Amino acid sequence: MRRIKNAVGVARAVLQYSTHSFLVGESATKFGLEMGFKEEDLHSNGSIASWNNWKKGNCQPNHRRNVEPDPTTSCGPYTPKPQLGNIYFYTYIILYFVVS
């Protein structure tokens, strides 16, 4: 749902004033507006700054950790860092060589 800040209120209204369990996307926005919820800009200064940095650097922001190369300085592609006893890492390596 876009342009409506009170998503919980809209969800409650869906249950109370419709036969649906949930609505998503533009249908949810339209329903919220029909129920009297206020349409507003949801961008913050922080989100605008993040978007501008992404646009300048041409690198998707991410929240990866324990990967190589360093996600704070690289755009990837990423692979798990080797860790002793990490079954997921070893499974990844095995699957990589089997598929390749």
N, C-alpha and C. Protein backbone atom coordinates (compact mmCIF):
# COMPACT_ATOMS: atom_id res chain seq x y z
N MET A 1 0.85 -1.17 0.00
CA MET A 1 0.00 0.00 0.00
C MET A 1 0.89 1.23 0.00
N ARG A 2 0.52 2.19 -0.79
CA ARG A 2 1.32 3.41 -0.91
C ARG A 2 0.51 4.63 -0.49
N ARG A 3 1.27 5.64 -0.04
CA ARG A 3 0.72 6.98 0.23
C ARG A 3 -0.21 7.05 1.44
N ILE A 4 -0.34 6.00 2.22
CA ILE A 4 -1.14 6.06 3.45
C ILE A 4 -0.26 5.56 4.59
N LYS A 5 -0.08 6.42 5.58
CA LYS A 5 0.83 6.11 6.67
C LYS A 5 0.25 5.09 7.65
N ASN A 6 -1.05 5.16 7.90
CA ASN A 6 -1.67 4.32 8.92
C ASN A 6 -2.11 2.97 8.32
N ALA A 7 -1.14 2.14 8.00
CA ALA A 7 -1.44 0.83 7.38
C ALA A 7 -2.22 -0.07 8.33
N VAL A 8 -1.94 0.01 9.61
CA VAL A 8 -2.66 -0.82 10.59
C VAL A 8 -4.13 -0.43 10.64
N GLY A 9 -4.39 0.86 10.59
CA GLY A 9 -5.77 1.33 10.59
C GLY A 9 -6.54 0.86 9.35
N VAL A 10 -5.86 0.89 8.20
CA VAL A 10 -6.50 0.40 6.97
C VAL A 10 -6.76 -1.10 7.09
N ALA A 11 -5.81 -1.85 7.62
CA ALA A 11 -6.00 -3.30 7.79
C ALA A 11 -7.20 -3.58 8.70
N ARG A 12 -7.30 -2.81 9.76
CA ARG A 12 -8.44 -2.97 10.68
C ARG A 12 -9.76 -2.65 9.96
N ALA A 13 -9.75 -1.61 9.14
CA ALA A 13 -10.95 -1.23 8.39
C ALA A 13 -11.33 -2.30 7.37
N VAL A 14 -10.35 -2.94 6.77
CA VAL A 14 -10.62 -4.03 5.82
C VAL A 14 -11.41 -5.13 6.53
N LEU A 15 -10.96 -5.50 7.72
CA LEU A 15 -11.66 -6.55 8.47
C LEU A 15 -13.04 -6.11 8.93
N GLN A 16 -13.15 -4.84 9.29
CA GLN A 16 -14.40 -4.35 9.86
C GLN A 16 -15.43 -3.96 8.80
N TYR A 17 -15.00 -3.44 7.66
CA TYR A 17 -15.94 -2.87 6.69
C TYR A 17 -15.94 -3.58 5.33
N SER A 18 -15.32 -4.75 5.25
CA SER A 18 -15.38 -5.50 3.99
C SER A 18 -15.44 -7.00 4.29
N THR A 19 -15.68 -7.77 3.26
CA THR A 19 -15.71 -9.23 3.43
C THR A 19 -14.34 -9.85 3.19
N HIS A 20 -13.34 -9.04 2.91
CA HIS A 20 -11.98 -9.53 2.65
C HIS A 20 -11.21 -9.71 3.95
N SER A 21 -10.18 -10.56 3.90
CA SER A 21 -9.26 -10.72 5.03
C SER A 21 -8.13 -9.71 4.92
N PHE A 22 -7.70 -9.44 3.70
CA PHE A 22 -6.65 -8.44 3.47
C PHE A 22 -6.73 -7.94 2.04
N LEU A 23 -6.18 -6.74 1.83
CA LEU A 23 -6.05 -6.15 0.49
C LEU A 23 -4.59 -5.73 0.35
N VAL A 24 -4.09 -5.74 -0.87
CA VAL A 24 -2.70 -5.36 -1.10
C VAL A 24 -2.61 -4.37 -2.26
N GLY A 25 -1.49 -3.66 -2.31
CA GLY A 25 -1.19 -2.78 -3.43
C GLY A 25 -2.17 -1.65 -3.60
N GLU A 26 -2.44 -1.36 -4.86
CA GLU A 26 -3.30 -0.21 -5.19
C GLU A 26 -4.72 -0.38 -4.67
N SER A 27 -5.20 -1.64 -4.60
CA SER A 27 -6.54 -1.88 -4.05
C SER A 27 -6.62 -1.47 -2.59
N ALA A 28 -5.56 -1.75 -1.84
CA ALA A 28 -5.52 -1.34 -0.43
C ALA A 28 -5.49 0.17 -0.30
N THR A 29 -4.70 0.82 -1.16
CA THR A 29 -4.62 2.28 -1.14
C THR A 29 -5.98 2.88 -1.46
N LYS A 30 -6.62 2.39 -2.50
CA LYS A 30 -7.94 2.90 -2.91
C LYS A 30 -8.96 2.71 -1.79
N PHE A 31 -8.96 1.53 -1.18
CA PHE A 31 -9.88 1.25 -0.07
C PHE A 31 -9.62 2.21 1.09
N GLY A 32 -8.35 2.41 1.45
CA GLY A 32 -8.00 3.31 2.54
C GLY A 32 -8.49 4.73 2.30
N LEU A 33 -8.32 5.20 1.07
CA LEU A 33 -8.79 6.55 0.73
C LEU A 33 -10.31 6.64 0.82
N GLU A 34 -10.99 5.58 0.35
CA GLU A 34 -12.45 5.55 0.43
C GLU A 34 -12.93 5.55 1.88
N MET A 35 -12.15 4.96 2.78
CA MET A 35 -12.51 4.91 4.19
C MET A 35 -12.10 6.17 4.94
N GLY A 36 -11.52 7.14 4.24
CA GLY A 36 -11.21 8.43 4.85
C GLY A 36 -9.80 8.57 5.40
N PHE A 37 -8.93 7.63 5.10
CA PHE A 37 -7.54 7.76 5.55
C PHE A 37 -6.83 8.79 4.69
N LYS A 38 -5.91 9.50 5.31
CA LYS A 38 -5.24 10.63 4.67
C LYS A 38 -4.12 10.15 3.76
N GLU A 39 -4.09 10.69 2.55
CA GLU A 39 -3.01 10.42 1.61
C GLU A 39 -1.89 11.41 1.88
N GLU A 40 -0.66 10.90 2.00
CA GLU A 40 0.47 11.78 2.28
C GLU A 40 1.76 11.23 1.71
N ASP A 41 2.76 12.10 1.61
CA ASP A 41 4.08 11.70 1.13
C ASP A 41 4.79 10.95 2.25
N LEU A 42 5.25 9.74 1.97
CA LEU A 42 5.88 8.91 3.01
C LEU A 42 7.40 8.96 2.96
N HIS A 43 7.97 9.78 2.09
CA HIS A 43 9.43 9.88 2.00
C HIS A 43 9.97 10.68 3.18
N SER A 44 11.11 10.21 3.71
CA SER A 44 11.79 10.95 4.77
C SER A 44 13.08 11.54 4.19
N ASN A 45 13.68 12.47 4.91
CA ASN A 45 14.97 13.02 4.46
C ASN A 45 16.01 11.91 4.33
N GLY A 46 15.98 10.95 5.27
CA GLY A 46 16.92 9.84 5.23
C GLY A 46 16.73 8.94 4.02
N SER A 47 15.47 8.63 3.69
CA SER A 47 15.22 7.77 2.54
C SER A 47 15.57 8.48 1.23
N ILE A 48 15.34 9.77 1.17
CA ILE A 48 15.70 10.53 -0.04
C ILE A 48 17.22 10.58 -0.18
N ALA A 49 17.94 10.78 0.93
CA ALA A 49 19.40 10.80 0.89
C ALA A 49 19.95 9.44 0.46
N SER A 50 19.37 8.35 0.99
CA SER A 50 19.81 7.00 0.59
C SER A 50 19.59 6.77 -0.89
N TRP A 51 18.45 7.20 -1.39
CA TRP A 51 18.15 7.03 -2.80
C TRP A 51 19.13 7.83 -3.66
N ASN A 52 19.42 9.08 -3.26
CA ASN A 52 20.37 9.90 -4.02
C ASN A 52 21.76 9.28 -4.03
N ASN A 53 22.20 8.73 -2.88
CA ASN A 53 23.51 8.06 -2.82
C ASN A 53 23.53 6.84 -3.72
N TRP A 54 22.45 6.08 -3.72
CA TRP A 54 22.36 4.91 -4.59
C TRP A 54 22.43 5.33 -6.06
N LYS A 55 21.70 6.37 -6.39
CA LYS A 55 21.65 6.84 -7.78
C LYS A 55 23.03 7.32 -8.23
N LYS A 56 23.74 8.04 -7.34
CA LYS A 56 25.08 8.52 -7.66
C LYS A 56 26.07 7.37 -7.82
N GLY A 57 26.03 6.41 -6.88
CA GLY A 57 27.00 5.33 -6.86
C GLY A 57 26.65 4.15 -7.75
N ASN A 58 25.42 4.11 -8.25
CA ASN A 58 24.95 3.01 -9.09
C ASN A 58 25.16 1.65 -8.41
N CYS A 59 24.92 1.60 -7.11
CA CYS A 59 25.09 0.37 -6.34
C CYS A 59 23.88 0.19 -5.42
N GLN A 60 23.25 -0.96 -5.50
CA GLN A 60 22.06 -1.24 -4.70
C GLN A 60 22.42 -1.28 -3.21
N PRO A 61 21.76 -0.49 -2.34
CA PRO A 61 22.04 -0.60 -0.91
C PRO A 61 21.63 -1.99 -0.41
N ASN A 62 22.40 -2.51 0.50
CA ASN A 62 22.08 -3.85 1.00
C ASN A 62 22.41 -3.96 2.47
N HIS A 63 21.97 -5.02 3.07
CA HIS A 63 22.17 -5.25 4.50
C HIS A 63 22.85 -6.60 4.71
N ARG A 64 23.71 -6.95 3.78
CA ARG A 64 24.41 -8.23 3.88
C ARG A 64 25.51 -8.16 4.92
N ARG A 65 25.82 -9.32 5.47
CA ARG A 65 26.96 -9.43 6.38
C ARG A 65 27.53 -10.83 6.25
N ASN A 66 28.75 -11.00 6.70
CA ASN A 66 29.45 -12.28 6.60
C ASN A 66 29.55 -12.76 5.16
N VAL A 67 29.79 -11.80 4.25
CA VAL A 67 29.96 -12.13 2.84
C VAL A 67 31.23 -11.49 2.31
N GLU A 68 31.70 -12.01 1.17
CA GLU A 68 32.84 -11.43 0.47
C GLU A 68 32.37 -11.02 -0.91
N PRO A 69 32.81 -9.94 -1.48
CA PRO A 69 33.60 -8.86 -0.91
C PRO A 69 32.80 -8.02 0.08
N ASP A 70 33.49 -7.12 0.74
CA ASP A 70 32.88 -6.27 1.77
C ASP A 70 31.70 -5.49 1.19
N PRO A 71 30.48 -5.70 1.71
CA PRO A 71 29.30 -5.03 1.16
C PRO A 71 29.27 -3.52 1.37
N THR A 72 30.11 -2.99 2.26
CA THR A 72 30.13 -1.54 2.46
C THR A 72 30.96 -0.83 1.40
N THR A 73 31.79 -1.60 0.67
CA THR A 73 32.65 -0.99 -0.34
C THR A 73 32.46 -1.58 -1.73
N SER A 74 31.62 -2.60 -1.87
CA SER A 74 31.46 -3.28 -3.14
C SER A 74 30.00 -3.54 -3.44
N CYS A 75 29.69 -3.66 -4.73
CA CYS A 75 28.33 -3.96 -5.16
C CYS A 75 28.13 -5.45 -5.43
N GLY A 76 29.10 -6.26 -5.11
CA GLY A 76 28.95 -7.70 -5.30
C GLY A 76 29.47 -8.12 -6.66
N PRO A 77 29.21 -9.35 -7.09
CA PRO A 77 28.37 -10.36 -6.45
C PRO A 77 29.00 -10.88 -5.16
N TYR A 78 28.17 -11.36 -4.27
CA TYR A 78 28.60 -11.78 -2.95
C TYR A 78 28.59 -13.29 -2.81
N THR A 79 29.49 -13.77 -1.97
CA THR A 79 29.51 -15.18 -1.59
C THR A 79 29.70 -15.24 -0.08
N PRO A 80 29.24 -16.28 0.57
CA PRO A 80 29.42 -16.40 2.02
C PRO A 80 30.90 -16.48 2.38
N LYS A 81 31.28 -15.82 3.47
CA LYS A 81 32.65 -15.94 3.97
C LYS A 81 32.85 -17.35 4.52
N PRO A 82 34.01 -17.94 4.29
CA PRO A 82 34.26 -19.27 4.86
C PRO A 82 34.27 -19.22 6.39
N GLN A 83 33.52 -20.08 7.00
CA GLN A 83 33.49 -20.17 8.46
C GLN A 83 33.53 -21.63 8.84
N LEU A 84 34.41 -21.97 9.73
CA LEU A 84 34.49 -23.35 10.17
C LEU A 84 33.18 -23.81 10.77
N GLY A 85 32.72 -24.94 10.35
CA GLY A 85 31.49 -25.48 10.91
C GLY A 85 30.24 -24.89 10.31
N ASN A 86 30.38 -24.05 9.30
CA ASN A 86 29.21 -23.45 8.68
C ASN A 86 28.74 -24.35 7.55
N ILE A 87 27.74 -25.16 7.83
CA ILE A 87 27.26 -26.14 6.85
C ILE A 87 26.71 -25.46 5.60
N TYR A 88 26.14 -24.25 5.75
CA TYR A 88 25.58 -23.57 4.60
C TYR A 88 26.69 -23.17 3.62
N PHE A 89 27.82 -22.74 4.15
CA PHE A 89 28.94 -22.38 3.29
C PHE A 89 29.43 -23.59 2.52
N TYR A 90 29.63 -24.69 3.21
CA TYR A 90 30.15 -25.88 2.53
C TYR A 90 29.13 -26.43 1.54
N THR A 91 27.86 -26.37 1.87
CA THR A 91 26.81 -26.80 0.93
C THR A 91 26.84 -25.93 -0.31
N TYR A 92 27.02 -24.63 -0.12
CA TYR A 92 27.10 -23.71 -1.25
C TYR A 92 28.27 -24.07 -2.15
N ILE A 93 29.44 -24.32 -1.57
CA ILE A 93 30.63 -24.65 -2.35
C ILE A 93 30.40 -25.96 -3.12
N ILE A 94 29.85 -26.95 -2.45
CA ILE A 94 29.60 -28.23 -3.10
C ILE A 94 28.62 -28.06 -4.25
N LEU A 95 27.51 -27.34 -4.00
CA LEU A 95 26.51 -27.13 -5.04
C LEU A 95 27.10 -26.32 -6.20
N TYR A 96 27.96 -25.37 -5.91
CA TYR A 96 28.58 -24.56 -6.95
C TYR A 96 29.38 -25.45 -7.90
N PHE A 97 30.19 -26.34 -7.34
CA PHE A 97 31.03 -27.19 -8.18
C PHE A 97 30.21 -28.27 -8.90
N VAL A 98 29.15 -28.74 -8.29
CA VAL A 98 28.31 -29.74 -8.94
C VAL A 98 27.56 -29.13 -10.12
N VAL A 99 27.05 -27.93 -9.93
CA VAL A 99 26.26 -27.27 -10.97
C VAL A 99 27.14 -26.75 -12.07
N SER A 100 28.34 -26.28 -11.73
CA SER A 100 29.24 -25.68 -12.74
C SER A 100 29.73 -26.68 -13.69
